[in-house]
Protein backbone atom coordinates (compact mmCIF):
# COMPACT_ATOMS: atom_id res chain seq x y z
CA UNK A 1 48.57 5.24 -31.51
CA UNK A 2 49.61 3.01 -28.95
CA UNK A 3 46.25 1.80 -27.21
CA UNK A 4 48.12 -0.08 -24.49
CA UNK A 5 49.41 2.82 -23.41
CA UNK A 6 45.99 3.50 -22.30
CA UNK A 7 45.40 0.15 -20.20
CA UNK A 8 46.32 0.25 -16.43
CA UNK A 9 47.34 -3.67 -15.73
CA UNK A 10 45.85 -3.93 -11.78
CA UNK A 11 47.25 -7.59 -10.42
CA UNK A 12 45.32 -9.63 -8.20
CA UNK A 13 42.23 -7.79 -8.76
CA UNK A 14 39.24 -9.02 -8.34
CA UNK A 15 41.17 -11.75 -6.75
CA UNK A 16 44.83 -13.03 -6.45
CA UNK A 17 46.58 -14.33 -9.87
CA UNK A 18 44.45 -12.22 -12.00
CA UNK A 19 45.96 -9.62 -14.04
CA UNK A 20 42.77 -6.91 -14.34
CA UNK A 21 42.58 -5.02 -17.72
CA UNK A 22 41.74 -1.26 -16.34
CA UNK A 23 40.14 0.92 -19.35
CA UNK A 24 39.36 3.58 -17.39
CA UNK A 25 42.81 5.33 -18.56
CA UNK A 26 40.98 4.96 -22.20
CA UNK A 27 38.14 6.68 -21.26
CA UNK A 28 39.78 9.62 -20.07
CA UNK A 29 41.29 10.81 -23.34
CA UNK A 30 39.44 11.77 -25.93
CA UNK A 31 41.80 11.10 -28.54
CA UNK A 32 41.81 7.29 -27.42
CA UNK A 33 38.23 7.20 -27.20
CA UNK A 34 38.33 9.00 -30.78
CA UNK A 35 41.12 6.12 -32.20
CA UNK A 36 38.65 3.83 -31.08
CA UNK A 37 35.96 4.49 -32.20
CA UNK A 38 37.78 4.87 -35.98
CA UNK A 39 39.33 1.82 -35.76
CA UNK A 40 35.94 0.00 -35.31
CA UNK A 41 34.17 1.91 -37.87
CA UNK A 42 36.76 0.92 -40.53
CA UNK A 43 36.45 -2.69 -39.85
CA UNK A 44 32.61 -2.56 -40.47
CA UNK A 45 32.00 -3.71 -44.11
CA UNK A 46 28.08 -3.75 -44.15
CA UNK A 47 25.70 -1.37 -42.76
CA UNK A 48 25.03 -0.79 -38.95
CA UNK A 49 20.75 -0.78 -38.05
CA UNK A 50 21.59 -1.02 -34.20
CA UNK A 51 24.50 -1.06 -31.39
CA UNK A 52 23.99 -3.20 -28.59
CA UNK A 53 26.05 -2.85 -25.31
CA UNK A 54 26.60 -5.23 -22.95
CA UNK A 55 26.60 -4.25 -19.33
CA UNK A 56 28.33 -2.00 -18.44
CA UNK A 57 31.49 -0.68 -19.34
CA UNK A 58 30.69 -2.21 -23.37
CA UNK A 59 28.15 0.64 -23.28
CA UNK A 60 31.31 3.58 -23.32
CA UNK A 61 32.22 2.41 -26.74
CA UNK A 62 28.17 1.01 -27.78
CA UNK A 63 26.79 4.32 -28.00
CA UNK A 64 30.09 6.18 -29.17
CA UNK A 65 29.91 3.93 -32.01
CA UNK A 66 25.83 4.63 -32.48
CA UNK A 67 26.81 7.73 -33.14
CA UNK A 68 28.98 7.02 -35.67
CA UNK A 69 27.17 5.09 -37.82
CA UNK A 70 24.09 7.20 -37.07
CA UNK A 71 21.56 4.92 -35.50
CA UNK A 72 19.77 3.82 -32.08
CA UNK A 73 21.40 2.08 -29.09
CA UNK A 74 20.32 -1.36 -27.40
CA UNK A 75 21.54 -1.96 -23.69
CA UNK A 76 21.80 -5.74 -22.61
CA UNK A 77 21.53 -6.01 -18.91
CA UNK A 78 21.59 -7.95 -16.33
CA UNK A 79 19.03 -9.74 -14.86
CA UNK A 80 16.41 -7.46 -12.93
CA UNK A 81 17.60 -4.35 -14.28
CA UNK A 82 15.64 -3.14 -17.56
CA UNK A 83 12.23 -1.46 -16.50
CA UNK A 84 9.59 -3.25 -19.38
CA UNK A 85 9.25 -6.71 -20.24
CA UNK A 86 12.59 -8.53 -21.37
CA UNK A 87 13.91 -11.57 -23.33
CA UNK A 88 16.58 -13.14 -20.88
CA UNK A 89 19.55 -15.89 -21.02
CA UNK A 90 21.23 -17.32 -18.88
CA UNK A 91 25.31 -18.12 -19.45
CA UNK A 92 27.92 -19.83 -17.07
CA UNK A 93 29.93 -18.23 -14.70
CA UNK A 94 33.31 -19.46 -12.99
CA UNK A 95 31.32 -20.55 -9.98
CA UNK A 96 27.20 -20.76 -11.81
CA UNK A 97 24.99 -18.83 -13.92
CA UNK A 98 24.10 -15.38 -14.56
CA UNK A 99 21.52 -13.97 -16.70
CA UNK A 100 21.44 -11.12 -19.79
CA UNK A 101 18.46 -9.76 -20.82
CA UNK A 102 17.17 -7.64 -23.56
CA UNK A 103 14.05 -5.46 -23.96
CA UNK A 104 11.69 -8.06 -26.47
CA UNK A 105 10.80 -4.99 -28.66
CA UNK A 106 14.66 -3.55 -28.93
CA UNK A 107 15.47 -5.66 -32.26
CA UNK A 108 13.00 -5.72 -35.08
CA UNK A 109 13.53 -9.29 -37.13
CA UNK A 110 16.09 -8.24 -39.65
CA UNK A 111 17.97 -5.78 -38.73
CA UNK A 112 21.67 -5.68 -39.00
CA UNK A 113 23.20 -5.79 -35.10
CA UNK A 114 26.32 -4.87 -33.94
CA UNK A 115 27.43 -6.21 -30.33
CA UNK A 116 29.84 -3.85 -28.48
CA UNK A 117 31.64 -5.29 -25.16
CA UNK A 118 34.40 -3.68 -23.28
CA UNK A 119 36.49 -7.27 -22.82
CA UNK A 120 36.40 -11.26 -24.70
CA UNK A 121 37.27 -13.68 -22.10
CA UNK A 122 35.35 -16.95 -21.72
CA UNK A 123 32.97 -15.77 -24.13
CA UNK A 124 29.94 -16.50 -21.70
CA UNK A 125 28.53 -13.18 -22.06
CA UNK A 126 29.54 -12.76 -25.75
CA UNK A 127 27.44 -16.19 -26.53
CA UNK A 128 24.31 -15.01 -24.21
CA UNK A 129 24.32 -11.15 -26.05
CA UNK A 130 24.23 -12.92 -29.51
CA UNK A 131 21.57 -15.71 -28.50
CA UNK A 132 19.77 -12.85 -27.38
CA UNK A 133 19.97 -10.87 -30.65
CA UNK A 134 19.10 -13.88 -32.84
CA UNK A 135 16.38 -14.82 -30.97
CA UNK A 136 14.79 -11.23 -31.13
CA UNK A 137 15.45 -12.14 -35.26
CA UNK A 138 18.43 -9.84 -35.35
CA UNK A 139 21.80 -10.20 -38.03
CA UNK A 140 24.98 -10.30 -35.61
CA UNK A 141 27.75 -8.63 -38.79
CA UNK A 142 29.88 -8.33 -36.30
CA UNK A 143 31.23 -9.03 -32.29
CA UNK A 144 33.37 -6.04 -31.42
CA UNK A 145 35.60 -6.01 -28.38
CA UNK A 146 38.59 -3.07 -26.79
CA UNK A 147 40.96 -6.41 -24.80
CA UNK A 148 40.48 -9.77 -25.75
CA UNK A 149 42.01 -12.12 -23.40
CA UNK A 150 43.05 -15.25 -26.34
CA UNK A 151 44.15 -17.10 -23.23
CA UNK A 152 40.25 -18.00 -22.38
CA UNK A 153 39.85 -18.92 -26.16
CA UNK A 154 36.49 -16.94 -25.74
CA UNK A 155 36.01 -16.57 -29.81
CA UNK A 156 35.43 -19.91 -30.28
CA UNK A 157 31.84 -19.92 -28.34
CA UNK A 158 31.12 -16.74 -30.96
CA UNK A 159 30.00 -20.23 -33.37
CA UNK A 160 31.43 -18.08 -36.76
CA UNK A 161 30.31 -14.43 -35.95
CA UNK A 162 33.19 -12.38 -37.36
CA UNK A 163 34.81 -10.60 -34.42
CA UNK A 164 36.91 -7.66 -34.29
CA UNK A 165 39.13 -6.71 -31.27
CA UNK A 166 41.86 -4.27 -30.86
CA UNK A 167 44.02 -4.79 -28.59
CA UNK A 168 44.62 -9.30 -27.72
CA UNK A 169 46.91 -10.29 -24.49
């Protein structure tokens, strides 16, 4: 299946000079979603205890992967969005900083964790998510991304964590 057919390129969004990769057409296709889940699942060579999804577009496939592996799903959210006690991790943005949070009881020490997000760009968000999982004692088995923007070199920030993506630009 050619997944690029399901990615809409939106020029100059959210600002001039950016070619936004819109995954909405992919989400509207059960065939494309099923292909993504099977493709990601076939790349996992280890047991998966829990799947972590990064807000918000990472949730779509992360929940489907959790269902596939018959395990739970853990959300990582922007600061102030989770209702229980949290652990926070700051990360750099193009202009400033932001924070991600995870519930303090979301990952048990030694659990094998699959992390999923829609796009790997500069790697700041993914690195912050990895740090949160590791601070809770989780063992990251892989980070999955639907799309990887190779020219931004985000993979380099993930310090040897296994990274898989289905599309590269």
